[in-house]
Amino acid sequence: DDVLEQVTLMNKSIERLIERFPEQYMWTYKRFKSANSYD
């Protein structure tokens, strides 16, 4: 299977869940830091 297609489907599924249940998403979790982050 095409990896890009599978990852895109997975991300869209997660996106739909976040849109449906935004209170369940960990908005304060900083998984990715920007290159300019000083935290």
PDB file of N, CA and C in Angstrom:
ATOM      1  N   ASP A   1       0.827  -1.201   0.000  1.00  0.00           N
ATOM      2  CA  ASP A   1       0.000   0.000   0.000  1.00  0.00           C
ATOM      3  C   ASP A   1       0.863   1.254   0.000  1.00  0.00           C
ATOM      4  N   ASP A   2       0.295   2.317  -0.445  1.00  0.00           N
ATOM      5  CA  ASP A   2       0.995   3.591  -0.486  1.00  0.00           C
ATOM      6  C   ASP A   2       1.040   4.191   0.921  1.00  0.00           C
ATOM      7  N   VAL A   3       2.243   4.374   1.438  1.00  0.00           N
ATOM      8  CA  VAL A   3       2.409   4.883   2.802  1.00  0.00           C
ATOM      9  C   VAL A   3       1.822   6.283   2.939  1.00  0.00           C
ATOM     10  N   LEU A   4       2.070   7.145   1.982  1.00  0.00           N
ATOM     11  CA  LEU A   4       1.544   8.509   2.048  1.00  0.00           C
ATOM     12  C   LEU A   4       0.015   8.504   2.117  1.00  0.00           C
ATOM     13  N   GLU A   5      -0.605   7.663   1.327  1.00  0.00           N
ATOM     14  CA  GLU A   5      -2.067   7.571   1.339  1.00  0.00           C
ATOM     15  C   GLU A   5      -2.573   7.102   2.704  1.00  0.00           C
ATOM     16  N   GLN A   6      -1.921   6.105   3.270  1.00  0.00           N
ATOM     17  CA  GLN A   6      -2.334   5.581   4.570  1.00  0.00           C
ATOM     18  C   GLN A   6      -2.157   6.612   5.686  1.00  0.00           C
ATOM     19  N   VAL A   7      -1.042   7.326   5.661  1.00  0.00           N
ATOM     20  CA  VAL A   7      -0.796   8.354   6.682  1.00  0.00           C
ATOM     21  C   VAL A   7      -1.796   9.493   6.538  1.00  0.00           C
ATOM     22  N   THR A   8      -2.105   9.861   5.309  1.00  0.00           N
ATOM     23  CA  THR A   8      -3.092  10.914   5.066  1.00  0.00           C
ATOM     24  C   THR A   8      -4.457  10.508   5.610  1.00  0.00           C
ATOM     25  N   LEU A   9      -4.861   9.280   5.371  1.00  0.00           N
ATOM     26  CA  LEU A   9      -6.135   8.786   5.898  1.00  0.00           C
ATOM     27  C   LEU A   9      -6.141   8.787   7.423  1.00  0.00           C
ATOM     28  N   MET A  10      -5.032   8.372   8.018  1.00  0.00           N
ATOM     29  CA  MET A  10      -4.936   8.358   9.471  1.00  0.00           C
ATOM     30  C   MET A  10      -5.056   9.773  10.034  1.00  0.00           C
ATOM     31  N   ASN A  11      -4.346  10.721   9.433  1.00  0.00           N
ATOM     32  CA  ASN A  11      -4.402  12.106   9.907  1.00  0.00           C
ATOM     33  C   ASN A  11      -5.789  12.708   9.735  1.00  0.00           C
ATOM     34  N   LYS A  12      -6.452  12.400   8.648  1.00  0.00           N
ATOM     35  CA  LYS A  12      -7.816  12.903   8.441  1.00  0.00           C
ATOM     36  C   LYS A  12      -8.773  12.310   9.480  1.00  0.00           C
ATOM     37  N   SER A  13      -8.575  11.059   9.825  1.00  0.00           N
ATOM     38  CA  SER A  13      -9.406  10.438  10.857  1.00  0.00           C
ATOM     39  C   SER A  13      -9.202  11.121  12.201  1.00  0.00           C
ATOM     40  N   ILE A  14      -7.964  11.388  12.541  1.00  0.00           N
ATOM     41  CA  ILE A  14      -7.663  12.090  13.792  1.00  0.00           C
ATOM     42  C   ILE A  14      -8.248  13.492  13.763  1.00  0.00           C
ATOM     43  N   GLU A  15      -8.114  14.166  12.633  1.00  0.00           N
ATOM     44  CA  GLU A  15      -8.665  15.517  12.486  1.00  0.00           C
ATOM     45  C   GLU A  15     -10.177  15.524  12.711  1.00  0.00           C
ATOM     46  N   ARG A  16     -10.868  14.545  12.146  1.00  0.00           N
ATOM     47  CA  ARG A  16     -12.327  14.465  12.331  1.00  0.00           C
ATOM     48  C   ARG A  16     -12.687  14.228  13.799  1.00  0.00           C
ATOM     49  N   LEU A  17     -11.916  13.399  14.473  1.00  0.00           N
ATOM     50  CA  LEU A  17     -12.177  13.154  15.890  1.00  0.00           C
ATOM     51  C   LEU A  17     -11.963  14.411  16.721  1.00  0.00           C
ATOM     52  N   ILE A  18     -10.921  15.161  16.415  1.00  0.00           N
ATOM     53  CA  ILE A  18     -10.657  16.409  17.142  1.00  0.00           C
ATOM     54  C   ILE A  18     -11.771  17.410  16.885  1.00  0.00           C
ATOM     55  N   GLU A  19     -12.241  17.491  15.652  1.00  0.00           N
ATOM     56  CA  GLU A  19     -13.346  18.405  15.340  1.00  0.00           C
ATOM     57  C   GLU A  19     -14.624  17.991  16.069  1.00  0.00           C
ATOM     58  N   ARG A  20     -14.825  16.703  16.212  1.00  0.00           N
ATOM     59  CA  ARG A  20     -16.039  16.205  16.861  1.00  0.00           C
ATOM     60  C   ARG A  20     -15.966  16.322  18.386  1.00  0.00           C
ATOM     61  N   PHE A  21     -14.776  16.089  18.945  1.00  0.00           N
ATOM     62  CA  PHE A  21     -14.591  16.103  20.399  1.00  0.00           C
ATOM     63  C   PHE A  21     -13.389  16.973  20.780  1.00  0.00           C
ATOM     64  N   PRO A  22     -13.445  18.275  20.533  1.00  0.00           N
ATOM     65  CA  PRO A  22     -12.273  19.130  20.788  1.00  0.00           C
ATOM     66  C   PRO A  22     -11.836  19.136  22.251  1.00  0.00           C
ATOM     67  N   GLU A  23     -12.768  18.892  23.164  1.00  0.00           N
ATOM     68  CA  GLU A  23     -12.410  18.893  24.581  1.00  0.00           C
ATOM     69  C   GLU A  23     -11.516  17.707  24.952  1.00  0.00           C
ATOM     70  N   GLN A  24     -11.474  16.692  24.111  1.00  0.00           N
ATOM     71  CA  GLN A  24     -10.655  15.513  24.380  1.00  0.00           C
ATOM     72  C   GLN A  24      -9.215  15.657  23.876  1.00  0.00           C
ATOM     73  N   TYR A  25      -8.964  16.654  23.052  1.00  0.00           N
ATOM     74  CA  TYR A  25      -7.628  16.839  22.491  1.00  0.00           C
ATOM     75  C   TYR A  25      -6.722  17.537  23.493  1.00  0.00           C
ATOM     76  N   MET A  26      -5.492  17.119  23.569  1.00  0.00           N
ATOM     77  CA  MET A  26      -4.537  17.697  24.522  1.00  0.00           C
ATOM     78  C   MET A  26      -3.914  18.963  23.928  1.00  0.00           C
ATOM     79  N   TRP A  27      -4.645  20.060  23.986  1.00  0.00           N
ATOM     80  CA  TRP A  27      -4.216  21.317  23.373  1.00  0.00           C
ATOM     81  C   TRP A  27      -2.935  21.861  23.991  1.00  0.00           C
ATOM     82  N   THR A  28      -2.675  21.577  25.251  1.00  0.00           N
ATOM     83  CA  THR A  28      -1.504  22.151  25.925  1.00  0.00           C
ATOM     84  C   THR A  28      -0.259  21.293  25.784  1.00  0.00           C
ATOM     85  N   TYR A  29      -0.380  20.106  25.201  1.00  0.00           N
ATOM     86  CA  TYR A  29       0.770  19.220  25.037  1.00  0.00           C
ATOM     87  C   TYR A  29       1.659  19.725  23.908  1.00  0.00           C
ATOM     88  N   LYS A  30       2.902  20.077  24.239  1.00  0.00           N
ATOM     89  CA  LYS A  30       3.829  20.637  23.244  1.00  0.00           C
ATOM     90  C   LYS A  30       4.746  19.527  22.723  1.00  0.00           C
ATOM     91  N   ARG A  31       4.226  18.752  21.794  1.00  0.00           N
ATOM     92  CA  ARG A  31       4.992  17.643  21.242  1.00  0.00           C
ATOM     93  C   ARG A  31       6.130  18.138  20.350  1.00  0.00           C
ATOM     94  N   PHE A  32       5.839  19.134  19.543  1.00  0.00           N
ATOM     95  CA  PHE A  32       6.830  19.643  18.609  1.00  0.00           C
ATOM     96  C   PHE A  32       7.192  21.069  18.980  1.00  0.00           C
ATOM     97  N   LYS A  33       8.467  21.323  19.076  1.00  0.00           N
ATOM     98  CA  LYS A  33       8.929  22.673  19.366  1.00  0.00           C
ATOM     99  C   LYS A  33       9.486  23.273  18.081  1.00  0.00           C
ATOM    100  N   SER A  34       9.283  24.559  17.931  1.00  0.00           N
ATOM    101  CA  SER A  34       9.827  25.215  16.749  1.00  0.00           C
ATOM    102  C   SER A  34      11.325  25.424  16.932  1.00  0.00           C
ATOM    103  N   ALA A  35      12.016  25.675  15.853  1.00  0.00           N
ATOM    104  CA  ALA A  35      13.455  25.909  15.901  1.00  0.00           C
ATOM    105  C   ALA A  35      13.780  27.165  16.697  1.00  0.00           C
ATOM    106  N   ASN A  36      12.823  28.088  16.789  1.00  0.00           N
ATOM    107  CA  ASN A  36      13.037  29.342  17.503  1.00  0.00           C
ATOM    108  C   ASN A  36      12.530  29.296  18.937  1.00  0.00           C
ATOM    109  N   SER A  37      12.144  28.127  19.396  1.00  0.00           N
ATOM    110  CA  SER A  37      11.587  28.005  20.741  1.00  0.00           C
ATOM    111  C   SER A  37      12.687  28.103  21.788  1.00  0.00           C
ATOM    112  N   TYR A  38      12.409  28.870  22.836  1.00  0.00           N
ATOM    113  CA  TYR A  38      13.366  29.025  23.922  1.00  0.00           C
ATOM    114  C   TYR A  38      12.871  28.356  25.192  1.00  0.00           C
ATOM    115  N   ASP A  39      11.878  27.498  25.086  1.00  0.00           N
ATOM    116  CA  ASP A  39      11.316  26.806  26.254  1.00  0.00           C
ATOM    117  C   ASP A  39      12.262  25.736  26.753  1.00  0.00           C
TER     118      ASP A  39
END
